[in-house]
Each structure stands twice: as structure tokens, then as C-alpha cells.
């Protein structure tokens, strides 16, 4: 079962916080706000909202989102996450 899914990316993209990030804490992925309250010392930042927008561009479709989620999950696995 993947840690990072397309649903996480959808949640990240839907955030109104431009500095929101997708993090992994305790083996679970979550979207957190930027700044105070979003800085968990144990959290591993996987990507940010702005980085995903830049990667996918404005015309992203579900296939591209799924592919990005798989790449991020594979990268996390290679780090031992």
C-alpha cells in the first residue's frame, strides 16, 4: 500500500495556503500548513503545493497526478520512509 497517493496531491492542490506541504510523520502522509503549527520536527517534507503546481503545470490530468504520486512514493521508499 503506497504512503503517498493521488488523493494526498489533490488535498495539497486544494489547499488555500500557498506554503502548504505534503509531509510524512510516523509513516503517514499528511498535508500541513506553512509556518507555525505546520513545522513538526519529526516530519519529512515530501513536496510543497507550489512545487506540485510547477511540476504539473495548469493542465494536469488525473494520469499526471497519479504518476507524480507514484514517483514521490517510490522516492520515499528509496529513502526508507
N, C-alpha and C. Protein backbone atom coordinates (compact mmCIF):
# COMPACT_ATOMS: atom_id res chain seq x y z
N UNK A 1 0.85 -1.17 0.00
CA UNK A 1 0.00 0.00 0.00
C UNK A 1 0.90 1.25 0.00
N UNK A 2 0.67 2.15 -0.93
CA UNK A 2 1.52 3.34 -1.02
C UNK A 2 1.29 4.30 0.15
N UNK A 3 2.33 5.00 0.52
CA UNK A 3 2.22 6.03 1.55
C UNK A 3 1.66 7.30 0.96
N UNK A 4 2.10 7.63 -0.25
CA UNK A 4 1.66 8.85 -0.93
C UNK A 4 0.75 8.47 -2.08
N UNK A 5 -0.42 9.08 -2.11
CA UNK A 5 -1.41 8.76 -3.13
C UNK A 5 -1.83 10.03 -3.89
N UNK A 6 -2.54 9.83 -4.95
CA UNK A 6 -3.08 10.96 -5.70
C UNK A 6 -4.01 11.79 -4.83
N UNK A 7 -4.70 11.16 -3.92
CA UNK A 7 -5.60 11.90 -3.02
C UNK A 7 -4.83 12.91 -2.18
N UNK A 8 -3.63 12.54 -1.74
CA UNK A 8 -2.80 13.50 -0.99
C UNK A 8 -2.46 14.71 -1.87
N UNK A 9 -2.16 14.46 -3.12
CA UNK A 9 -1.83 15.56 -4.02
C UNK A 9 -3.06 16.42 -4.29
N UNK A 10 -4.22 15.83 -4.41
CA UNK A 10 -5.45 16.59 -4.60
C UNK A 10 -5.70 17.49 -3.38
N UNK A 11 -5.49 16.94 -2.19
CA UNK A 11 -5.66 17.72 -0.96
C UNK A 11 -4.67 18.88 -0.92
N UNK A 12 -3.44 18.60 -1.29
CA UNK A 12 -2.41 19.64 -1.32
C UNK A 12 -2.77 20.73 -2.32
N UNK A 13 -3.18 20.34 -3.50
CA UNK A 13 -3.54 21.32 -4.53
C UNK A 13 -4.78 22.12 -4.16
N UNK A 14 -5.67 21.55 -3.38
CA UNK A 14 -6.90 22.24 -2.97
C UNK A 14 -6.66 23.21 -1.81
N UNK A 15 -5.50 23.12 -1.18
CA UNK A 15 -5.20 23.99 -0.06
C UNK A 15 -5.15 25.46 -0.51
N UNK A 16 -5.69 26.32 0.31
CA UNK A 16 -5.61 27.76 0.03
C UNK A 16 -4.31 28.35 0.55
N UNK A 17 -3.55 27.57 1.30
CA UNK A 17 -2.26 28.00 1.85
C UNK A 17 -1.18 27.74 0.81
N UNK A 18 -0.65 28.80 0.23
CA UNK A 18 0.37 28.65 -0.83
C UNK A 18 1.62 27.94 -0.33
N UNK A 19 1.87 27.97 0.96
CA UNK A 19 3.06 27.32 1.52
C UNK A 19 2.80 25.94 2.08
N UNK A 20 1.61 25.41 1.84
CA UNK A 20 1.27 24.08 2.35
C UNK A 20 2.25 23.04 1.81
N UNK A 21 2.45 22.00 2.62
CA UNK A 21 3.40 20.95 2.23
C UNK A 21 2.80 19.57 2.49
N UNK A 22 3.25 18.61 1.71
CA UNK A 22 2.93 17.21 1.94
C UNK A 22 4.09 16.64 2.73
N UNK A 23 3.81 16.13 3.92
CA UNK A 23 4.85 15.60 4.79
C UNK A 23 4.52 14.16 5.16
N UNK A 24 5.54 13.47 5.67
CA UNK A 24 5.33 12.14 6.23
C UNK A 24 5.80 12.20 7.68
N UNK A 25 4.91 11.79 8.57
CA UNK A 25 5.21 11.74 10.00
C UNK A 25 4.77 10.37 10.50
N UNK A 26 5.68 9.64 11.09
CA UNK A 26 5.32 8.33 11.63
C UNK A 26 4.80 7.37 10.58
N UNK A 27 5.30 7.50 9.35
CA UNK A 27 4.90 6.60 8.28
C UNK A 27 3.59 6.97 7.61
N UNK A 28 3.00 8.10 7.99
CA UNK A 28 1.74 8.53 7.38
C UNK A 28 1.92 9.87 6.70
N UNK A 29 1.31 10.00 5.54
CA UNK A 29 1.38 11.25 4.78
C UNK A 29 0.26 12.18 5.24
N UNK A 30 0.56 13.49 5.25
CA UNK A 30 -0.43 14.49 5.62
C UNK A 30 -0.07 15.80 4.96
N UNK A 31 -1.08 16.61 4.72
CA UNK A 31 -0.88 17.96 4.21
C UNK A 31 -0.93 18.89 5.42
N UNK A 32 0.11 19.73 5.54
CA UNK A 32 0.20 20.65 6.67
C UNK A 32 0.37 22.08 6.16
N UNK A 33 -0.07 23.04 6.95
CA UNK A 33 0.11 24.44 6.56
C UNK A 33 1.55 24.88 6.74
N UNK A 34 1.89 25.98 6.11
CA UNK A 34 3.22 26.56 6.28
C UNK A 34 3.28 27.31 7.59
N UNK A 35 4.49 27.49 8.07
CA UNK A 35 4.70 28.34 9.24
C UNK A 35 4.32 27.67 10.53
N UNK A 36 4.08 28.47 11.58
CA UNK A 36 3.75 27.93 12.90
C UNK A 36 2.58 26.97 12.85
N UNK A 37 2.72 25.86 13.52
CA UNK A 37 1.67 24.84 13.52
C UNK A 37 1.88 23.82 12.41
N UNK A 38 2.68 24.13 11.42
CA UNK A 38 2.94 23.19 10.35
C UNK A 38 4.36 22.67 10.36
N UNK A 39 5.12 23.06 11.38
CA UNK A 39 6.52 22.67 11.45
C UNK A 39 6.74 21.60 12.50
N UNK A 40 6.45 20.37 12.19
CA UNK A 40 6.69 19.25 13.08
C UNK A 40 8.13 18.79 12.86
N UNK A 41 8.91 18.76 13.94
CA UNK A 41 10.33 18.40 13.81
C UNK A 41 10.53 16.99 13.25
N UNK A 42 9.57 16.10 13.48
CA UNK A 42 9.69 14.72 13.01
C UNK A 42 9.16 14.53 11.60
N UNK A 43 8.63 15.58 11.02
CA UNK A 43 8.02 15.47 9.69
C UNK A 43 9.08 15.56 8.60
N UNK A 44 8.94 14.69 7.61
CA UNK A 44 9.80 14.73 6.42
C UNK A 44 8.98 15.39 5.32
N UNK A 45 9.44 16.54 4.85
CA UNK A 45 8.73 17.23 3.78
C UNK A 45 8.97 16.48 2.47
N UNK A 46 7.90 16.12 1.81
CA UNK A 46 7.97 15.40 0.54
C UNK A 46 7.91 16.39 -0.62
N UNK A 47 6.97 17.30 -0.57
CA UNK A 47 6.83 18.32 -1.60
C UNK A 47 5.94 19.44 -1.07
N UNK A 48 5.91 20.52 -1.81
CA UNK A 48 5.06 21.65 -1.44
C UNK A 48 3.98 21.87 -2.50
N UNK A 49 3.01 22.65 -2.15
CA UNK A 49 1.93 22.97 -3.09
C UNK A 49 2.49 23.64 -4.33
N UNK A 50 3.35 24.63 -4.14
CA UNK A 50 3.92 25.34 -5.28
C UNK A 50 4.77 24.42 -6.17
N UNK A 51 5.49 23.49 -5.56
CA UNK A 51 6.31 22.56 -6.35
C UNK A 51 5.44 21.63 -7.19
N UNK A 52 4.32 21.19 -6.63
CA UNK A 52 3.41 20.32 -7.38
C UNK A 52 2.78 21.10 -8.53
N UNK A 53 2.38 22.33 -8.26
CA UNK A 53 1.80 23.15 -9.32
C UNK A 53 2.82 23.35 -10.45
N UNK A 54 4.07 23.62 -10.09
CA UNK A 54 5.11 23.81 -11.10
C UNK A 54 5.37 22.52 -11.88
N UNK A 55 5.34 21.41 -11.20
CA UNK A 55 5.59 20.11 -11.85
C UNK A 55 4.47 19.74 -12.81
N UNK A 56 3.24 19.96 -12.38
CA UNK A 56 2.10 19.51 -13.18
C UNK A 56 1.64 20.53 -14.21
N UNK A 57 1.98 21.78 -14.00
CA UNK A 57 1.51 22.86 -14.85
C UNK A 57 -0.01 22.98 -14.66
N UNK A 58 -0.63 23.86 -15.36
CA UNK A 58 -2.05 24.13 -15.13
C UNK A 58 -2.97 23.13 -15.81
N UNK A 59 -2.50 22.39 -16.77
CA UNK A 59 -3.37 21.48 -17.49
C UNK A 59 -3.26 20.04 -17.04
N UNK A 60 -2.94 19.81 -15.77
CA UNK A 60 -2.73 18.44 -15.28
C UNK A 60 -4.02 17.64 -15.33
N UNK A 61 -3.86 16.39 -15.72
CA UNK A 61 -5.00 15.48 -15.68
C UNK A 61 -4.75 14.41 -14.61
N UNK A 62 -5.72 13.56 -14.40
CA UNK A 62 -5.62 12.56 -13.34
C UNK A 62 -4.44 11.61 -13.55
N UNK A 63 -4.15 11.28 -14.78
CA UNK A 63 -2.99 10.40 -15.07
C UNK A 63 -1.69 11.03 -14.60
N UNK A 64 -1.52 12.31 -14.84
CA UNK A 64 -0.31 13.01 -14.43
C UNK A 64 -0.20 13.08 -12.90
N UNK A 65 -1.32 13.31 -12.26
CA UNK A 65 -1.33 13.35 -10.80
C UNK A 65 -1.00 11.99 -10.22
N UNK A 66 -1.58 10.94 -10.77
CA UNK A 66 -1.28 9.57 -10.33
C UNK A 66 0.21 9.25 -10.53
N UNK A 67 0.75 9.63 -11.69
CA UNK A 67 2.16 9.35 -11.98
C UNK A 67 3.07 10.09 -11.01
N UNK A 68 2.75 11.34 -10.70
CA UNK A 68 3.56 12.10 -9.75
C UNK A 68 3.48 11.47 -8.36
N UNK A 69 2.31 11.06 -7.95
CA UNK A 69 2.16 10.39 -6.65
C UNK A 69 3.00 9.13 -6.59
N UNK A 70 3.01 8.36 -7.66
CA UNK A 70 3.83 7.13 -7.70
C UNK A 70 5.31 7.45 -7.63
N UNK A 71 5.75 8.50 -8.34
CA UNK A 71 7.17 8.89 -8.29
C UNK A 71 7.56 9.35 -6.89
N UNK A 72 6.71 10.14 -6.26
CA UNK A 72 7.01 10.59 -4.91
C UNK A 72 7.03 9.43 -3.92
N UNK A 73 6.10 8.49 -4.08
CA UNK A 73 6.06 7.33 -3.19
C UNK A 73 7.29 6.45 -3.38
N UNK A 74 7.72 6.28 -4.62
CA UNK A 74 8.93 5.49 -4.91
C UNK A 74 10.16 6.17 -4.32
N UNK A 75 10.25 7.49 -4.45
CA UNK A 75 11.37 8.24 -3.87
C UNK A 75 11.37 8.09 -2.35
N UNK A 76 10.21 8.16 -1.73
CA UNK A 76 10.11 7.98 -0.29
C UNK A 76 10.57 6.59 0.10
N UNK A 77 10.14 5.57 -0.63
CA UNK A 77 10.56 4.19 -0.34
C UNK A 77 12.07 4.03 -0.44
N UNK A 78 12.67 4.71 -1.40
CA UNK A 78 14.13 4.58 -1.57
C UNK A 78 14.88 5.24 -0.41
N UNK A 79 14.21 6.16 0.29
CA UNK A 79 14.82 6.80 1.47
C UNK A 79 14.56 6.01 2.74
N UNK A 80 13.77 4.97 2.60
CA UNK A 80 13.45 4.15 3.78
C UNK A 80 12.26 4.67 4.54
N UNK A 81 11.42 5.49 3.87
CA UNK A 81 10.25 6.08 4.54
C UNK A 81 9.10 5.17 4.48
